[in-house]
């Protein structure tokens, strides 16, 4: 039998390292569609995504826009997924990591923060109804560990809105070089309440790993490109981008207040 042709993919260093230490054997499919497949790799979600899918930081990324040429997207058609010697195989086709990608948010500089806060004070931010309802229920600022319990797992879909908001809040703090041990502990204690994909994305946010649109937003903070980058982030998914963006806004406000109090 002729071995299946290797499929080149890119991935973050943490995804590569998790595959490298994973035990050989079958991998459970959590979800599959035309543009993305999500897998349970020993309790951590690994995606296989085409270029038309959201490039989550926990995914292997292909250059093709969709996956229909690689594996059937019909739920009635069986698909064999397994790890062999640290390499993920889809129906015997090895997905070999040929390029590492940076998925951490860029460092947020103090001058950026000041400029962004000054500009945001002159702009009116309207919240989507779903986000506004969530924010009203969580309460005031700063975010407290007790509020985490009202966020984790709250919402619909593979990535509930409450988790998206937390991801934005956590990732922005990491970009600013700020630790958040109390919130981190509260999040980690409640990961079992949400989907495996969302729990994995929360773990990524704890490590400062983000979507490309979030990284672009952080890079644009305090520049004329910030509104455009914010709009691009808000457009991700149904509510995911809006949740991420508001979580970042909450974090920026808190950071600005803490800097002002220390001055």
Protein backbone atom coordinates (compact mmCIF):
# COMPACT_ATOMS: atom_id res chain seq x y z
CA UNK A 1 0.00 0.00 0.00
CA UNK A 2 1.39 3.40 -0.98
CA UNK A 3 1.80 5.69 2.06
CA UNK A 4 -0.53 8.71 2.07
CA UNK A 5 1.06 11.96 0.99
CA UNK A 6 2.08 14.23 3.88
CA UNK A 7 0.02 17.41 4.22
CA UNK A 8 2.05 20.48 5.28
CA UNK A 9 0.52 22.55 8.07
CA UNK A 10 1.58 25.34 10.39
CA UNK A 11 1.01 25.51 14.14
CA UNK A 12 2.04 27.25 17.32
CA UNK A 13 4.92 25.88 19.40
CA UNK A 14 2.50 24.72 22.12
CA UNK A 15 0.38 22.75 19.65
CA UNK A 16 3.54 21.16 18.24
CA UNK A 17 4.77 20.28 21.73
CA UNK A 18 1.43 18.78 22.79
CA UNK A 19 1.38 16.52 19.76
CA UNK A 20 4.99 15.53 20.35
CA UNK A 21 4.19 14.07 23.79
CA UNK A 22 0.73 12.68 22.95
CA UNK A 23 0.32 8.93 23.18
CA UNK A 24 -0.10 7.03 19.94
CA UNK A 25 -3.67 6.02 19.24
CA UNK A 26 -7.08 7.22 18.09
CA UNK A 27 -8.28 10.77 18.67
CA UNK A 28 -11.94 11.62 19.25
CA UNK A 29 -13.64 14.00 16.83
CA UNK A 30 -15.60 16.72 18.64
CA UNK A 31 -16.91 18.61 15.62
CA UNK A 32 -16.31 18.66 11.91
CA UNK A 33 -17.42 20.93 9.15
CA UNK A 34 -16.29 22.17 5.78
CA UNK A 35 -13.70 24.59 7.14
CA UNK A 36 -12.64 23.12 10.49
CA UNK A 37 -12.36 19.92 12.51
CA UNK A 38 -11.96 19.97 16.29
CA UNK A 39 -10.41 17.04 18.14
CA UNK A 40 -10.01 15.91 21.74
CA UNK A 41 -6.27 15.41 22.22
CA UNK A 42 -5.96 14.07 25.75
CA UNK A 43 -8.36 16.63 27.18
CA UNK A 44 -7.14 19.59 25.10
CA UNK A 45 -8.87 20.65 21.90
CA UNK A 46 -6.75 20.72 18.75
CA UNK A 47 -8.27 22.09 15.58
CA UNK A 48 -7.50 21.42 11.95
CA UNK A 49 -8.59 24.54 10.08
CA UNK A 50 -8.59 25.80 6.53
CA UNK A 51 -7.79 29.39 5.63
CA UNK A 52 -11.50 30.31 5.57
CA UNK A 53 -11.97 29.24 9.19
CA UNK A 54 -11.25 31.26 12.32
CA UNK A 55 -7.55 30.69 13.01
CA UNK A 56 -7.82 29.64 16.66
CA UNK A 57 -4.42 29.49 18.39
CA UNK A 58 -4.87 25.79 19.21
CA UNK A 59 -5.13 24.65 15.59
CA UNK A 60 -3.11 23.10 12.83
CA UNK A 61 -3.54 25.47 9.87
CA UNK A 62 -3.79 24.39 6.25
CA UNK A 63 -3.27 26.61 3.24
CA UNK A 64 -6.45 25.42 1.49
CA UNK A 65 -9.66 27.31 2.25
CA UNK A 66 -11.65 24.22 3.24
CA UNK A 67 -11.12 20.59 4.22
CA UNK A 68 -13.50 18.82 1.85
CA UNK A 69 -10.61 17.58 -0.30
CA UNK A 70 -8.95 16.06 2.76
CA UNK A 71 -11.77 14.40 4.68
CA UNK A 72 -15.52 13.97 4.29
CA UNK A 73 -17.46 16.62 6.21
CA UNK A 74 -20.56 14.42 6.34
CA UNK A 75 -21.22 13.23 9.89
CA UNK A 76 -22.45 9.92 8.47
CA UNK A 77 -19.09 9.19 6.84
CA UNK A 78 -16.49 7.71 9.19
CA UNK A 79 -13.18 9.50 9.64
CA UNK A 80 -10.12 7.95 11.21
CA UNK A 81 -8.02 10.32 13.29
CA UNK A 82 -4.98 9.20 15.23
CA UNK A 83 -1.60 10.23 16.52
CA UNK A 84 1.49 8.33 15.39
CA UNK A 85 4.92 9.33 16.62
CA UNK A 86 3.80 12.86 17.47
CA UNK A 87 2.08 13.46 14.11
CA UNK A 88 -1.66 13.78 13.64
CA UNK A 89 -3.14 11.64 10.86
CA UNK A 90 -6.51 12.18 9.15
CA UNK A 91 -7.57 9.04 7.29
CA UNK A 92 -3.90 7.99 7.15
CA UNK A 93 -2.73 11.35 5.75
CA UNK A 94 -0.04 12.76 8.08
CA UNK A 95 -0.32 16.47 8.90
CA UNK A 96 3.31 17.51 9.24
CA UNK A 97 4.15 20.81 10.88
CA UNK A 98 6.53 22.61 8.57
CA UNK A 99 6.23 26.13 9.97
CA UNK A 100 5.71 27.55 13.44
CA UNK A 101 3.43 30.55 13.81
CA UNK A 102 3.41 33.21 16.53
CA UNK A 103 0.02 33.21 18.24
CA UNK A 104 0.83 35.35 21.27
CA UNK A 105 -0.53 38.88 21.39
CA UNK A 106 2.12 41.55 20.80
CA UNK A 107 3.37 43.51 23.80
CA UNK A 108 1.16 46.45 24.73
CA UNK A 109 3.26 49.53 25.44
CA UNK A 110 2.32 52.11 28.03
CA UNK A 111 2.21 54.91 25.47
CA UNK A 112 -0.24 52.87 23.38
CA UNK A 113 -2.45 52.37 26.39
CA UNK A 114 -2.56 56.08 27.19
CA UNK A 115 -3.35 57.04 23.59
CA UNK A 116 -6.05 54.39 23.29
CA UNK A 117 -7.74 55.44 26.53
CA UNK A 118 -7.66 59.10 25.51
CA UNK A 119 -9.24 58.29 22.15
CA UNK A 120 -11.85 55.94 23.62
CA UNK A 121 -13.05 58.68 25.96
CA UNK A 122 -14.11 60.63 22.86
CA UNK A 123 -15.86 57.68 21.20
CA UNK A 124 -19.23 56.18 22.01
CA UNK A 125 -19.10 52.41 22.19
CA UNK A 126 -22.39 50.65 21.53
CA UNK A 127 -22.66 47.09 22.80
CA UNK A 128 -24.45 44.28 21.05
CA UNK A 129 -27.55 43.31 23.09
CA UNK A 130 -26.08 39.94 24.08
CA UNK A 131 -22.89 41.56 25.36
CA UNK A 132 -24.76 44.36 27.14
CA UNK A 133 -26.92 41.83 28.99
CA UNK A 134 -23.87 39.84 30.04
CA UNK A 135 -21.99 42.92 31.24
CA UNK A 136 -24.98 44.17 33.23
CA UNK A 137 -25.26 40.84 35.03
CA UNK A 138 -21.55 40.58 35.85
CA UNK A 139 -21.54 43.96 37.57
CA UNK A 140 -18.99 46.71 37.97
CA UNK A 141 -15.28 46.96 37.48
CA UNK A 142 -12.71 45.73 38.12
CA UNK A 143 -13.48 42.13 37.28
CA UNK A 144 -13.62 40.08 40.47
CA UNK A 145 -13.06 36.32 40.88
CA UNK A 146 -16.67 35.94 42.03
CA UNK A 147 -17.85 37.26 38.65
CA UNK A 148 -15.96 34.52 36.79
CA UNK A 149 -18.59 32.01 37.88
CA UNK A 150 -21.22 34.06 36.06
CA UNK A 151 -19.16 34.05 32.87
CA UNK A 152 -17.56 30.63 32.29
CA UNK A 153 -19.77 28.54 30.04
CA UNK A 154 -22.44 31.22 29.68
CA UNK A 155 -23.83 31.40 26.17
CA UNK A 156 -24.42 29.14 23.19
CA UNK A 157 -22.22 27.36 20.68
CA UNK A 158 -18.71 25.98 20.75
CA UNK A 159 -17.37 29.15 22.39
CA UNK A 160 -19.92 30.68 24.79
CA UNK A 161 -20.01 34.47 24.96
CA UNK A 162 -18.97 34.63 28.61
CA UNK A 163 -15.81 32.67 27.80
CA UNK A 164 -15.03 34.98 24.87
CA UNK A 165 -15.24 38.01 27.16
CA UNK A 166 -12.89 36.35 29.65
CA UNK A 167 -10.47 35.43 26.86
CA UNK A 168 -10.27 39.06 25.76
CA UNK A 169 -9.76 40.27 29.33
CA UNK A 170 -7.04 37.71 30.07
CA UNK A 171 -5.17 38.11 26.79
CA UNK A 172 -5.08 41.91 27.06
CA UNK A 173 -3.58 41.66 30.53
CA UNK A 174 -0.94 39.24 29.21
CA UNK A 175 -0.14 41.64 26.37
CA UNK A 176 0.38 44.35 28.99
CA UNK A 177 2.69 42.05 30.95
CA UNK A 178 0.26 41.89 33.88
CA UNK A 179 -0.38 38.78 35.95
CA UNK A 180 -3.89 38.06 37.23
CA UNK A 181 -3.50 35.14 39.66
CA UNK A 182 -6.89 35.39 41.38
CA UNK A 183 -8.85 35.49 38.12
CA UNK A 184 -6.65 32.78 36.62
CA UNK A 185 -7.38 30.43 39.54
CA UNK A 186 -11.11 31.10 39.29
CA UNK A 187 -11.10 30.37 35.55
CA UNK A 188 -9.07 27.17 35.88
CA UNK A 189 -11.39 25.86 38.59
CA UNK A 190 -14.42 26.21 36.30
CA UNK A 191 -13.13 24.96 32.94
CA UNK A 192 -15.21 21.81 33.33
CA UNK A 193 -18.36 23.92 32.93
CA UNK A 194 -17.75 24.85 29.31
CA UNK A 195 -17.00 23.13 26.01
CA UNK A 196 -13.59 21.59 25.45
CA UNK A 197 -12.82 24.04 22.64
CA UNK A 198 -13.73 27.01 24.81
CA UNK A 199 -11.81 25.63 27.80
CA UNK A 200 -8.77 25.25 25.55
CA UNK A 201 -9.13 28.82 24.25
CA UNK A 202 -9.29 30.06 27.85
CA UNK A 203 -6.07 28.15 28.51
CA UNK A 204 -4.59 29.79 25.42
CA UNK A 205 -5.64 33.24 26.66
CA UNK A 206 -3.98 32.52 30.00
CA UNK A 207 -0.78 32.06 27.96
CA UNK A 208 -1.43 35.21 25.90
CA UNK A 209 -2.33 33.20 22.78
CA UNK A 210 -5.00 34.78 20.60
CA UNK A 211 -6.72 34.96 17.23
CA UNK A 212 -4.88 36.93 14.51
CA UNK A 213 -7.63 39.58 14.64
CA UNK A 214 -7.05 40.07 18.36
CA UNK A 215 -3.29 40.36 17.84
CA UNK A 216 -3.89 42.96 15.12
CA UNK A 217 -6.20 44.89 17.45
CA UNK A 218 -3.58 45.00 20.22
CA UNK A 219 -0.94 46.14 17.72
CA UNK A 220 -3.27 48.90 16.53
CA UNK A 221 -4.19 50.26 19.96
CA UNK A 222 -3.44 53.95 20.24
CA UNK A 223 -2.95 54.36 16.49
CA UNK A 224 -5.27 55.63 13.73
CA UNK A 225 -5.83 52.00 12.75
CA UNK A 226 -7.48 51.07 16.06
CA UNK A 227 -11.13 51.56 14.95
CA UNK A 228 -10.62 49.44 11.84
CA UNK A 229 -8.89 46.68 13.81
CA UNK A 230 -11.64 46.77 16.43
CA UNK A 231 -14.30 46.39 13.74
CA UNK A 232 -12.46 43.45 12.19
CA UNK A 233 -12.25 41.73 15.59
CA UNK A 234 -15.92 42.39 16.36
CA UNK A 235 -16.87 40.76 13.04
CA UNK A 236 -15.39 37.37 13.99
CA UNK A 237 -18.05 34.70 14.38
CA UNK A 238 -21.57 35.35 15.63
CA UNK A 239 -20.69 36.87 19.01
CA UNK A 240 -17.12 35.66 19.63
CA UNK A 241 -15.37 38.74 18.29
CA UNK A 242 -17.74 41.09 20.12
CA UNK A 243 -17.09 39.23 23.37
CA UNK A 244 -13.33 39.30 22.88
CA UNK A 245 -13.41 43.01 22.08
CA UNK A 246 -15.46 43.93 25.13
CA UNK A 247 -13.24 41.81 27.37
CA UNK A 248 -10.27 43.76 26.02
CA UNK A 249 -12.12 47.06 26.62
CA UNK A 250 -12.78 46.09 30.25
CA UNK A 251 -9.12 45.19 30.71
CA UNK A 252 -7.94 48.46 29.15
CA UNK A 253 -10.19 50.47 31.46
CA UNK A 254 -8.93 48.58 34.52
CA UNK A 255 -5.30 48.97 33.47
CA UNK A 256 -5.80 52.68 32.88
CA UNK A 257 -7.39 53.10 36.31
CA UNK A 258 -4.59 51.20 38.04
CA UNK A 259 -1.92 53.24 36.28
CA UNK A 260 -3.72 56.46 37.23
CA UNK A 261 -3.98 55.38 40.87
CA UNK A 262 -0.29 54.53 40.99
CA UNK A 263 0.76 57.85 39.43
